[in-house]
PDB file of N, CA and C in Angstrom:
ATOM      1  N   MET A   1     -16.829   6.143   7.975  1.00  0.00           N
ATOM      2  CA  MET A   1     -15.928   6.443   9.058  1.00  0.00           C
ATOM      3  C   MET A   1     -14.873   5.338   9.112  1.00  0.00           C
ATOM      4  N   LYS A   2     -13.682   5.724   9.490  1.00  0.00           N
ATOM      5  CA  LYS A   2     -12.597   4.774   9.689  1.00  0.00           C
ATOM      6  C   LYS A   2     -12.067   4.925  11.113  1.00  0.00           C
ATOM      7  N   VAL A   3     -11.580   3.822  11.660  1.00  0.00           N
ATOM      8  CA  VAL A   3     -10.975   3.830  12.992  1.00  0.00           C
ATOM      9  C   VAL A   3      -9.634   3.114  12.920  1.00  0.00           C
ATOM     10  N   ARG A   4      -8.736   3.484  13.811  1.00  0.00           N
ATOM     11  CA  ARG A   4      -7.429   2.836  13.890  1.00  0.00           C
ATOM     12  C   ARG A   4      -7.393   1.979  15.146  1.00  0.00           C
ATOM     13  N   CYS A   5      -6.930   0.756  15.013  1.00  0.00           N
ATOM     14  CA  CYS A   5      -6.859  -0.177  16.137  1.00  0.00           C
ATOM     15  C   CYS A   5      -5.735   0.237  17.089  1.00  0.00           C
ATOM     16  N   ILE A   6      -6.084   0.390  18.366  1.00  0.00           N
ATOM     17  CA  ILE A   6      -5.080   0.733  19.380  1.00  0.00           C
ATOM     18  C   ILE A   6      -4.897  -0.388  20.408  1.00  0.00           C
ATOM     19  N   GLY A   7      -5.683  -1.446  20.292  1.00  0.00           N
ATOM     20  CA  GLY A   7      -5.555  -2.587  21.190  1.00  0.00           C
ATOM     21  C   GLY A   7      -6.338  -3.764  20.640  1.00  0.00           C
ATOM     22  N   ASN A   8      -5.831  -4.972  20.877  1.00  0.00           N
ATOM     23  CA  ASN A   8      -6.524  -6.141  20.346  1.00  0.00           C
ATOM     24  C   ASN A   8      -6.689  -7.258  21.380  1.00  0.00           C
ATOM     25  N   ARG A   9      -6.656  -6.893  22.637  1.00  0.00           N
ATOM     26  CA  ARG A   9      -6.803  -7.876  23.718  1.00  0.00           C
ATOM     27  C   ARG A   9      -7.948  -7.487  24.638  1.00  0.00           C
ATOM     28  N   GLY A  10      -8.510  -8.478  25.279  1.00  0.00           N
ATOM     29  CA  GLY A  10      -9.561  -8.217  26.250  1.00  0.00           C
ATOM     30  C   GLY A  10      -9.102  -7.281  27.345  1.00  0.00           C
ATOM     31  N   SER A  11      -7.833  -7.339  27.685  1.00  0.00           N
ATOM     32  CA  SER A  11      -7.295  -6.462  28.731  1.00  0.00           C
ATOM     33  C   SER A  11      -7.328  -4.992  28.320  1.00  0.00           C
ATOM     34  N   ASN A  12      -7.539  -4.711  27.028  1.00  0.00           N
ATOM     35  CA  ASN A  12      -7.654  -3.334  26.550  1.00  0.00           C
ATOM     36  C   ASN A  12      -9.077  -2.793  26.705  1.00  0.00           C
ATOM     37  N   LEU A  13     -10.036  -3.674  27.002  1.00  0.00           N
ATOM     38  CA  LEU A  13     -11.431  -3.259  27.147  1.00  0.00           C
ATOM     39  C   LEU A  13     -11.727  -2.764  28.554  1.00  0.00           C
ATOM     40  N   PRO A  14     -12.733  -1.910  28.690  1.00  0.00           N
ATOM     41  CA  PRO A  14     -13.185  -1.543  30.034  1.00  0.00           C
ATOM     42  C   PRO A  14     -13.672  -2.796  30.767  1.00  0.00           C
ATOM     43  N   PRO A  15     -13.432  -2.911  32.059  1.00  0.00           N
ATOM     44  CA  PRO A  15     -13.841  -4.103  32.813  1.00  0.00           C
ATOM     45  C   PRO A  15     -15.324  -4.461  32.659  1.00  0.00           C
ATOM     46  N   ALA A  16     -16.173  -3.465  32.476  1.00  0.00           N
ATOM     47  CA  ALA A  16     -17.612  -3.726  32.335  1.00  0.00           C
ATOM     48  C   ALA A  16     -17.935  -4.550  31.090  1.00  0.00           C
ATOM     49  N   LEU A  17     -17.010  -4.614  30.142  1.00  0.00           N
ATOM     50  CA  LEU A  17     -17.260  -5.353  28.903  1.00  0.00           C
ATOM     51  C   LEU A  17     -16.687  -6.765  28.923  1.00  0.00           C
ATOM     52  N   LEU A  18     -15.962  -7.100  29.963  1.00  0.00           N
ATOM     53  CA  LEU A  18     -15.418  -8.451  30.067  1.00  0.00           C
ATOM     54  C   LEU A  18     -16.502  -9.374  30.598  1.00  0.00           C
ATOM     55  N   ASP A  19     -16.659 -10.517  29.947  1.00  0.00           N
ATOM     56  CA  ASP A  19     -17.715 -11.450  30.311  1.00  0.00           C
ATOM     57  C   ASP A  19     -17.281 -12.858  29.922  1.00  0.00           C
ATOM     58  N   PRO A  20     -16.738 -13.615  30.878  1.00  0.00           N
ATOM     59  CA  PRO A  20     -16.281 -14.971  30.565  1.00  0.00           C
ATOM     60  C   PRO A  20     -17.374 -15.851  29.952  1.00  0.00           C
ATOM     61  N   LYS A  21     -18.628 -15.604  30.288  1.00  0.00           N
ATOM     62  CA  LYS A  21     -19.726 -16.388  29.715  1.00  0.00           C
ATOM     63  C   LYS A  21     -19.836 -16.164  28.208  1.00  0.00           C
ATOM     64  N   SER A  22     -19.377 -15.007  27.745  1.00  0.00           N
ATOM     65  CA  SER A  22     -19.397 -14.679  26.318  1.00  0.00           C
ATOM     66  C   SER A  22     -18.032 -14.887  25.677  1.00  0.00           C
ATOM     67  N   ASN A  23     -17.158 -15.629  26.354  1.00  0.00           N
ATOM     68  CA  ASN A  23     -15.791 -15.868  25.857  1.00  0.00           C
ATOM     69  C   ASN A  23     -15.034 -14.570  25.620  1.00  0.00           C
ATOM     70  N   ARG A  24     -15.243 -13.607  26.515  1.00  0.00           N
ATOM     71  CA  ARG A  24     -14.554 -12.315  26.404  1.00  0.00           C
ATOM     72  C   ARG A  24     -13.988 -11.980  27.784  1.00  0.00           C
ATOM     73  N   ASP A  25     -12.708 -12.324  27.981  1.00  0.00           N
ATOM     74  CA  ASP A  25     -12.055 -12.000  29.240  1.00  0.00           C
ATOM     75  C   ASP A  25     -10.749 -11.266  28.949  1.00  0.00           C
ATOM     76  N   GLU A  26      -9.944 -11.027  29.981  1.00  0.00           N
ATOM     77  CA  GLU A  26      -8.699 -10.263  29.798  1.00  0.00           C
ATOM     78  C   GLU A  26      -7.728 -10.933  28.837  1.00  0.00           C
ATOM     79  N   ASN A  27      -7.818 -12.250  28.676  1.00  0.00           N
ATOM     80  CA  ASN A  27      -6.889 -12.984  27.811  1.00  0.00           C
ATOM     81  C   ASN A  27      -7.367 -13.116  26.370  1.00  0.00           C
ATOM     82  N   THR A  28      -8.565 -12.635  26.074  1.00  0.00           N
ATOM     83  CA  THR A  28      -9.101 -12.735  24.719  1.00  0.00           C
ATOM     84  C   THR A  28      -8.219 -11.960  23.744  1.00  0.00           C
ATOM     85  N   LEU A  29      -7.928 -12.585  22.618  1.00  0.00           N
ATOM     86  CA  LEU A  29      -7.177 -11.925  21.552  1.00  0.00           C
ATOM     87  C   LEU A  29      -8.120 -11.745  20.377  1.00  0.00           C
ATOM     88  N   PHE A  30      -8.366 -10.506  19.990  1.00  0.00           N
ATOM     89  CA  PHE A  30      -9.241 -10.204  18.871  1.00  0.00           C
ATOM     90  C   PHE A  30      -8.437 -10.204  17.576  1.00  0.00           C
ATOM     91  N   ALA A  31      -9.069 -10.608  16.490  1.00  0.00           N
ATOM     92  CA  ALA A  31      -8.394 -10.715  15.185  1.00  0.00           C
ATOM     93  C   ALA A  31      -8.285  -9.338  14.532  1.00  0.00           C
ATOM     94  N   LEU A  32      -7.584  -8.449  15.213  1.00  0.00           N
ATOM     95  CA  LEU A  32      -7.360  -7.083  14.748  1.00  0.00           C
ATOM     96  C   LEU A  32      -5.864  -6.803  14.792  1.00  0.00           C
ATOM     97  N   THR A  33      -5.399  -5.948  13.902  1.00  0.00           N
ATOM     98  CA  THR A  33      -3.985  -5.597  13.848  1.00  0.00           C
ATOM     99  C   THR A  33      -3.787  -4.203  14.429  1.00  0.00           C
ATOM    100  N   ILE A  34      -2.997  -4.125  15.480  1.00  0.00           N
ATOM    101  CA  ILE A  34      -2.733  -2.830  16.111  1.00  0.00           C
ATOM    102  C   ILE A  34      -2.075  -1.907  15.089  1.00  0.00           C
ATOM    103  N   GLY A  35      -2.604  -0.689  15.000  1.00  0.00           N
ATOM    104  CA  GLY A  35      -2.104   0.303  14.064  1.00  0.00           C
ATOM    105  C   GLY A  35      -2.822   0.311  12.734  1.00  0.00           C
ATOM    106  N   LYS A  36      -3.557  -0.745  12.423  1.00  0.00           N
ATOM    107  CA  LYS A  36      -4.274  -0.826  11.141  1.00  0.00           C
ATOM    108  C   LYS A  36      -5.556   0.010  11.205  1.00  0.00           C
ATOM    109  N   THR A  37      -5.918   0.590  10.070  1.00  0.00           N
ATOM    110  CA  THR A  37      -7.148   1.367   9.948  1.00  0.00           C
ATOM    111  C   THR A  37      -8.227   0.482   9.336  1.00  0.00           C
ATOM    112  N   TYR A  38      -9.421   0.508   9.936  1.00  0.00           N
ATOM    113  CA  TYR A  38     -10.546  -0.312   9.488  1.00  0.00           C
ATOM    114  C   TYR A  38     -11.728   0.579   9.122  1.00  0.00           C
ATOM    115  N   VAL A  39     -12.466   0.184   8.093  1.00  0.00           N
ATOM    116  CA  VAL A  39     -13.713   0.859   7.738  1.00  0.00           C
ATOM    117  C   VAL A  39     -14.775   0.423   8.736  1.00  0.00           C
ATOM    118  N   VAL A  40     -15.542   1.377   9.243  1.00  0.00           N
ATOM    119  CA  VAL A  40     -16.647   1.079  10.154  1.00  0.00           C
ATOM    120  C   VAL A  40     -17.914   0.931   9.316  1.00  0.00           C
ATOM    121  N   TYR A  41     -18.531  -0.249   9.402  1.00  0.00           N
ATOM    122  CA  TYR A  41     -19.728  -0.550   8.610  1.00  0.00           C
ATOM    123  C   TYR A  41     -21.017  -0.314   9.388  1.00  0.00           C
ATOM    124  N   GLY A  42     -20.908  -0.108  10.658  1.00  0.00           N
ATOM    125  CA  GLY A  42     -22.091   0.146  11.474  1.00  0.00           C
ATOM    126  C   GLY A  42     -21.674   0.427  12.905  1.00  0.00           C
ATOM    127  N   LEU A  43     -22.608   0.941  13.679  1.00  0.00           N
ATOM    128  CA  LEU A  43     -22.380   1.267  15.083  1.00  0.00           C
ATOM    129  C   LEU A  43     -23.529   0.722  15.913  1.00  0.00           C
ATOM    130  N   THR A  44     -23.258   0.393  17.151  1.00  0.00           N
ATOM    131  CA  THR A  44     -24.305   0.025  18.084  1.00  0.00           C
ATOM    132  C   THR A  44     -23.846   0.413  19.483  1.00  0.00           C
ATOM    133  N   VAL A  45     -24.776   0.451  20.401  1.00  0.00           N
ATOM    134  CA  VAL A  45     -24.459   0.697  21.807  1.00  0.00           C
ATOM    135  C   VAL A  45     -24.765  -0.587  22.564  1.00  0.00           C
ATOM    136  N   TYR A  46     -23.800  -1.057  23.326  1.00  0.00           N
ATOM    137  CA  TYR A  46     -23.943  -2.276  24.121  1.00  0.00           C
ATOM    138  C   TYR A  46     -23.338  -2.013  25.485  1.00  0.00           C
ATOM    139  N   ARG A  47     -24.128  -2.238  26.518  1.00  0.00           N
ATOM    140  CA  ARG A  47     -23.695  -1.974  27.900  1.00  0.00           C
ATOM    141  C   ARG A  47     -23.173  -0.549  28.062  1.00  0.00           C
ATOM    142  N   SER A  48     -23.832   0.378  27.402  1.00  0.00           N
ATOM    143  CA  SER A  48     -23.517   1.813  27.466  1.00  0.00           C
ATOM    144  C   SER A  48     -22.198   2.178  26.785  1.00  0.00           C
ATOM    145  N   PHE A  49     -21.663   1.299  25.961  1.00  0.00           N
ATOM    146  CA  PHE A  49     -20.437   1.580  25.228  1.00  0.00           C
ATOM    147  C   PHE A  49     -20.729   1.523  23.729  1.00  0.00           C
ATOM    148  N   LEU A  50     -20.039   2.358  22.975  1.00  0.00           N
ATOM    149  CA  LEU A  50     -20.171   2.366  21.521  1.00  0.00           C
ATOM    150  C   LEU A  50     -19.314   1.247  20.935  1.00  0.00           C
ATOM    151  N   TRP A  51     -19.920   0.434  20.068  1.00  0.00           N
ATOM    152  CA  TRP A  51     -19.230  -0.666  19.405  1.00  0.00           C
ATOM    153  C   TRP A  51     -19.234  -0.413  17.912  1.00  0.00           C
ATOM    154  N   TYR A  52     -18.131  -0.767  17.256  1.00  0.00           N
ATOM    155  CA  TYR A  52     -18.010  -0.623  15.811  1.00  0.00           C
ATOM    156  C   TYR A  52     -18.207  -1.980  15.142  1.00  0.00           C
ATOM    157  N   TYR A  53     -18.920  -1.968  14.025  1.00  0.00           N
ATOM    158  CA  TYR A  53     -19.006  -3.161  13.185  1.00  0.00           C
ATOM    159  C   TYR A  53     -17.965  -2.995  12.090  1.00  0.00           C
ATOM    160  N   LEU A  54     -16.987  -3.927  12.053  1.00  0.00           N
ATOM    161  CA  LEU A  54     -15.947  -3.878  11.038  1.00  0.00           C
ATOM    162  C   LEU A  54     -15.544  -5.289  10.655  1.00  0.00           C
ATOM    163  N   CYS A  55     -14.805  -5.425   9.596  1.00  0.00           N
ATOM    164  CA  CYS A  55     -14.311  -6.735   9.169  1.00  0.00           C
ATOM    165  C   CYS A  55     -12.946  -6.951   9.795  1.00  0.00           C
ATOM    166  N   ASP A  56     -12.852  -7.957  10.662  1.00  0.00           N
ATOM    167  CA  ASP A  56     -11.564  -8.239  11.284  1.00  0.00           C
ATOM    168  C   ASP A  56     -10.705  -9.107  10.368  1.00  0.00           C
ATOM    169  N   GLU A  57      -9.518  -9.475  10.826  1.00  0.00           N
ATOM    170  CA  GLU A  57      -8.555 -10.193   9.990  1.00  0.00           C
ATOM    171  C   GLU A  57      -9.013 -11.608   9.629  1.00  0.00           C
ATOM    172  N   GLU A  58      -9.870 -12.197  10.442  1.00  0.00           N
ATOM    173  CA  GLU A  58     -10.335 -13.565  10.183  1.00  0.00           C
ATOM    174  C   GLU A  58     -11.767 -13.594   9.665  1.00  0.00           C
ATOM    175  N   PHE A  59     -12.320 -12.432   9.417  1.00  0.00           N
ATOM    176  CA  PHE A  59     -13.707 -12.311   8.976  1.00  0.00           C
ATOM    177  C   PHE A  59     -14.585 -13.143   9.897  1.00  0.00           C
ATOM    178  N   THR A  60     -14.451 -12.881  11.210  1.00  0.00           N
ATOM    179  CA  THR A  60     -15.121 -13.655  12.240  1.00  0.00           C
ATOM    180  C   THR A  60     -16.638 -13.670  12.070  1.00  0.00           C
ATOM    181  N   TYR A  61     -17.199 -12.559  11.661  1.00  0.00           N
ATOM    182  CA  TYR A  61     -18.640 -12.467  11.458  1.00  0.00           C
ATOM    183  C   TYR A  61     -18.905 -11.369  10.448  1.00  0.00           C
ATOM    184  N   PHE A  62     -20.127 -11.301   9.956  1.00  0.00           N
ATOM    185  CA  PHE A  62     -20.492 -10.257   9.013  1.00  0.00           C
ATOM    186  C   PHE A  62     -20.937  -9.032   9.803  1.00  0.00           C
ATOM    187  N   PRO A  63     -20.275  -7.905   9.632  1.00  0.00           N
ATOM    188  CA  PRO A  63     -20.517  -6.761  10.498  1.00  0.00           C
ATOM    189  C   PRO A  63     -21.526  -5.737  10.014  1.00  0.00           C
ATOM    190  N   ILE A  64     -22.144  -5.924   8.889  1.00  0.00           N
ATOM    191  CA  ILE A  64     -22.879  -4.819   8.275  1.00  0.00           C
ATOM    192  C   ILE A  64     -24.388  -4.918   8.503  1.00  0.00           C
ATOM    193  N   TRP A  65     -24.974  -3.791   8.787  1.00  0.00           N
ATOM    194  CA  TRP A  65     -26.428  -3.670   8.838  1.00  0.00           C
ATOM    195  C   TRP A  65     -26.852  -3.043   7.527  1.00  0.00           C
ATOM    196  N   ASN A  66     -27.919  -3.548   6.941  1.00  0.00           N
ATOM    197  CA  ASN A  66     -28.414  -2.990   5.700  1.00  0.00           C
ATOM    198  C   ASN A  66     -29.927  -3.186   5.656  1.00  0.00           C
ATOM    199  N   PRO A  67     -30.601  -2.615   4.668  1.00  0.00           N
ATOM    200  CA  PRO A  67     -32.076  -2.714   4.627  1.00  0.00           C
ATOM    201  C   PRO A  67     -32.588  -4.154   4.641  1.00  0.00           C
ATOM    202  N   GLU A  68     -31.878  -5.071   3.988  1.00  0.00           N
ATOM    203  CA  GLU A  68     -32.327  -6.454   3.968  1.00  0.00           C
ATOM    204  C   GLU A  68     -32.334  -7.036   5.372  1.00  0.00           C
ATOM    205  N   TRP A  69     -31.343  -6.658   6.167  1.00  0.00           N
ATOM    206  CA  TRP A  69     -31.250  -7.153   7.533  1.00  0.00           C
ATOM    207  C   TRP A  69     -32.478  -6.704   8.327  1.00  0.00           C
ATOM    208  N   ALA A  70     -32.874  -5.479   8.141  1.00  0.00           N
ATOM    209  CA  ALA A  70     -34.026  -4.947   8.872  1.00  0.00           C
ATOM    210  C   ALA A  70     -35.334  -5.576   8.408  1.00  0.00           C
ATOM    211  N   LEU A  71     -35.418  -5.936   7.136  1.00  0.00           N
ATOM    212  CA  LEU A  71     -36.671  -6.446   6.575  1.00  0.00           C
ATOM    213  C   LEU A  71     -36.818  -7.964   6.680  1.00  0.00           C
ATOM    214  N   ASP A  72     -35.714  -8.672   6.784  1.00  0.00           N
ATOM    215  CA  ASP A  72     -35.757 -10.132   6.805  1.00  0.00           C
ATOM    216  C   ASP A  72     -35.178 -10.653   8.117  1.00  0.00           C
ATOM    217  N   PRO A  73     -36.018 -11.220   8.991  1.00  0.00           N
ATOM    218  CA  PRO A  73     -35.520 -11.677  10.293  1.00  0.00           C
ATOM    219  C   PRO A  73     -34.492 -12.807  10.192  1.00  0.00           C
ATOM    220  N   TYR A  74     -34.388 -13.449   9.033  1.00  0.00           N
ATOM    221  CA  TYR A  74     -33.436 -14.550   8.849  1.00  0.00           C
ATOM    222  C   TYR A  74     -32.214 -14.151   8.035  1.00  0.00           C
ATOM    223  N   TYR A  75     -32.137 -12.888   7.655  1.00  0.00           N
ATOM    224  CA  TYR A  75     -31.039 -12.440   6.795  1.00  0.00           C
ATOM    225  C   TYR A  75     -29.669 -12.760   7.408  1.00  0.00           C
ATOM    226  N   TYR A  76     -29.434 -12.347   8.656  1.00  0.00           N
ATOM    227  CA  TYR A  76     -28.112 -12.550   9.251  1.00  0.00           C
ATOM    228  C   TYR A  76     -27.808 -14.038   9.411  1.00  0.00           C
ATOM    229  N   GLU A  77     -28.810 -14.820   9.789  1.00  0.00           N
ATOM    230  CA  GLU A  77     -28.619 -16.268   9.917  1.00  0.00           C
ATOM    231  C   GLU A  77     -28.188 -16.871   8.577  1.00  0.00           C
ATOM    232  N   HIS A  78     -28.871 -16.483   7.507  1.00  0.00           N
ATOM    233  CA  HIS A  78     -28.518 -16.987   6.175  1.00  0.00           C
ATOM    234  C   HIS A  78     -27.141 -16.487   5.742  1.00  0.00           C
ATOM    235  N   LEU A  79     -26.843 -15.244   6.073  1.00  0.00           N
ATOM    236  CA  LEU A  79     -25.532 -14.684   5.755  1.00  0.00           C
ATOM    237  C   LEU A  79     -24.433 -15.466   6.481  1.00  0.00           C
ATOM    238  N   SER A  80     -24.663 -15.766   7.742  1.00  0.00           N
ATOM    239  CA  SER A  80     -23.680 -16.524   8.529  1.00  0.00           C
ATOM    240  C   SER A  80     -23.463 -17.925   7.986  1.00  0.00           C
ATOM    241  N   GLU A  81     -24.474 -18.443   7.294  1.00  0.00           N
ATOM    242  CA  GLU A  81     -24.363 -19.760   6.665  1.00  0.00           C
ATOM    243  C   GLU A  81     -23.767 -19.665   5.260  1.00  0.00           C
ATOM    244  N   ASN A  82     -23.361 -18.462   4.873  1.00  0.00           N
ATOM    245  CA  ASN A  82     -22.737 -18.190   3.565  1.00  0.00           C
ATOM    246  C   ASN A  82     -23.649 -18.523   2.389  1.00  0.00           C
ATOM    247  N   ARG A  83     -24.928 -18.270   2.542  1.00  0.00           N
ATOM    248  CA  ARG A  83     -25.844 -18.475   1.412  1.00  0.00           C
ATOM    249  C   ARG A  83     -25.563 -17.415   0.350  1.00  0.00           C
ATOM    250  N   ASP A  84     -25.544 -17.850  -0.892  1.00  0.00           N
ATOM    251  CA  ASP A  84     -25.121 -16.990  -2.006  1.00  0.00           C
ATOM    252  C   ASP A  84     -25.850 -15.647  -2.054  1.00  0.00           C
ATOM    253  N   GLU A  85     -27.176 -15.658  -1.987  1.00  0.00           N
ATOM    254  CA  GLU A  85     -27.934 -14.410  -2.129  1.00  0.00           C
ATOM    255  C   GLU A  85     -27.563 -13.403  -1.045  1.00  0.00           C
ATOM    256  N   GLU A  86     -27.490 -13.867   0.202  1.00  0.00           N
ATOM    257  CA  GLU A  86     -27.173 -12.966   1.307  1.00  0.00           C
ATOM    258  C   GLU A  86     -25.728 -12.477   1.236  1.00  0.00           C
ATOM    259  N   VAL A  87     -24.813 -13.338   0.837  1.00  0.00           N
ATOM    260  CA  VAL A  87     -23.410 -12.929   0.700  1.00  0.00           C
ATOM    261  C   VAL A  87     -23.274 -11.892  -0.410  1.00  0.00           C
ATOM    262  N   GLN A  88     -24.004 -12.062  -1.509  1.00  0.00           N
ATOM    263  CA  GLN A  88     -23.967 -11.079  -2.597  1.00  0.00           C
ATOM    264  C   GLN A  88     -24.489  -9.722  -2.122  1.00  0.00           C
ATOM    265  N   ILE A  89     -25.549  -9.719  -1.331  1.00  0.00           N
ATOM    266  CA  ILE A  89     -26.095  -8.464  -0.789  1.00  0.00           C
ATOM    267  C   ILE A  89     -25.060  -7.811   0.123  1.00  0.00           C
ATOM    268  N   PHE A  90     -24.473  -8.610   1.018  1.00  0.00           N
ATOM    269  CA  PHE A  90     -23.451  -8.082   1.915  1.00  0.00           C
ATOM    270  C   PHE A  90     -22.294  -7.488   1.128  1.00  0.00           C
ATOM    271  N   THR A  91     -21.809  -8.222   0.132  1.00  0.00           N
ATOM    272  CA  THR A  91     -20.667  -7.777  -0.666  1.00  0.00           C
ATOM    273  C   THR A  91     -20.979  -6.475  -1.385  1.00  0.00           C
ATOM    274  N   LYS A  92     -22.206  -6.329  -1.865  1.00  0.00           N
ATOM    275  CA  LYS A  92     -22.617  -5.094  -2.544  1.00  0.00           C
ATOM    276  C   LYS A  92     -22.501  -3.894  -1.590  1.00  0.00           C
ATOM    277  N   TYR A  93     -23.035  -4.025  -0.383  1.00  0.00           N
ATOM    278  CA  TYR A  93     -22.977  -2.921   0.569  1.00  0.00           C
ATOM    279  C   TYR A  93     -21.550  -2.673   1.064  1.00  0.00           C
ATOM    280  N   GLN A  94     -20.799  -3.740   1.255  1.00  0.00           N
ATOM    281  CA  GLN A  94     -19.412  -3.585   1.687  1.00  0.00           C
ATOM    282  C   GLN A  94     -18.623  -2.806   0.644  1.00  0.00           C
ATOM    283  N   LYS A  95     -18.793  -3.155  -0.614  1.00  0.00           N
ATOM    284  CA  LYS A  95     -18.077  -2.472  -1.703  1.00  0.00           C
ATOM    285  C   LYS A  95     -18.465  -0.987  -1.742  1.00  0.00           C
ATOM    286  N   LEU A  96     -19.755  -0.702  -1.632  1.00  0.00           N
ATOM    287  CA  LEU A  96     -20.208   0.703  -1.636  1.00  0.00           C
ATOM    288  C   LEU A  96     -19.554   1.510  -0.521  1.00  0.00           C
ATOM    289  N   MET A  97     -19.513   0.918   0.660  1.00  0.00           N
ATOM    290  CA  MET A  97     -18.925   1.634   1.799  1.00  0.00           C
ATOM    291  C   MET A  97     -17.419   1.755   1.669  1.00  0.00           C
ATOM    292  N   ASP A  98     -16.765   0.711   1.207  1.00  0.00           N
ATOM    293  CA  ASP A  98     -15.310   0.773   1.014  1.00  0.00           C
ATOM    294  C   ASP A  98     -14.944   1.863   0.010  1.00  0.00           C
ATOM    295  N   GLU A  99     -15.699   1.947  -1.095  1.00  0.00           N
ATOM    296  CA  GLU A  99     -15.424   2.968  -2.107  1.00  0.00           C
ATOM    297  C   GLU A  99     -15.669   4.372  -1.566  1.00  0.00           C
ATOM    298  N   GLU A 100     -16.644   4.503  -0.695  1.00  0.00           N
ATOM    299  CA  GLU A 100     -16.945   5.815  -0.110  1.00  0.00           C
ATOM    300  C   GLU A 100     -15.807   6.324   0.741  1.00  0.00           C
ATOM    301  N   TYR A 101     -15.073   5.411   1.381  1.00  0.00           N
ATOM    302  CA  TYR A 101     -14.019   5.813   2.304  1.00  0.00           C
ATOM    303  C   TYR A 101     -12.627   5.707   1.728  1.00  0.00           C
ATOM    304  N   ASP A 102     -12.499   5.381   0.446  1.00  0.00           N
ATOM    305  CA  ASP A 102     -11.156   5.347  -0.179  1.00  0.00           C
ATOM    306  C   ASP A 102     -10.647   6.731  -0.455  1.00  0.00           C
TER     307      ASP A 102
END
């Protein structure tokens, strides 16, 4: 699935999703380009809203869920630390999904 960015500021979010404790308020600027189309690598529900996992312009975090993530409780932590094995796994799944949506 692909989505097109229509807003990149906290002020574009529903008020229920703003949370200064999480560094997400009306002034937050997300690393997304308005009008750009992004591949969706995963979905989740948070506070009754649907959230997309995608790669933003600054690669702020790794957005993909995959079997390794489900099987290894430390997978995402290692991925966030840019460990070679986990990054290679992420890159493999990212490439598969990107090719599927080209």
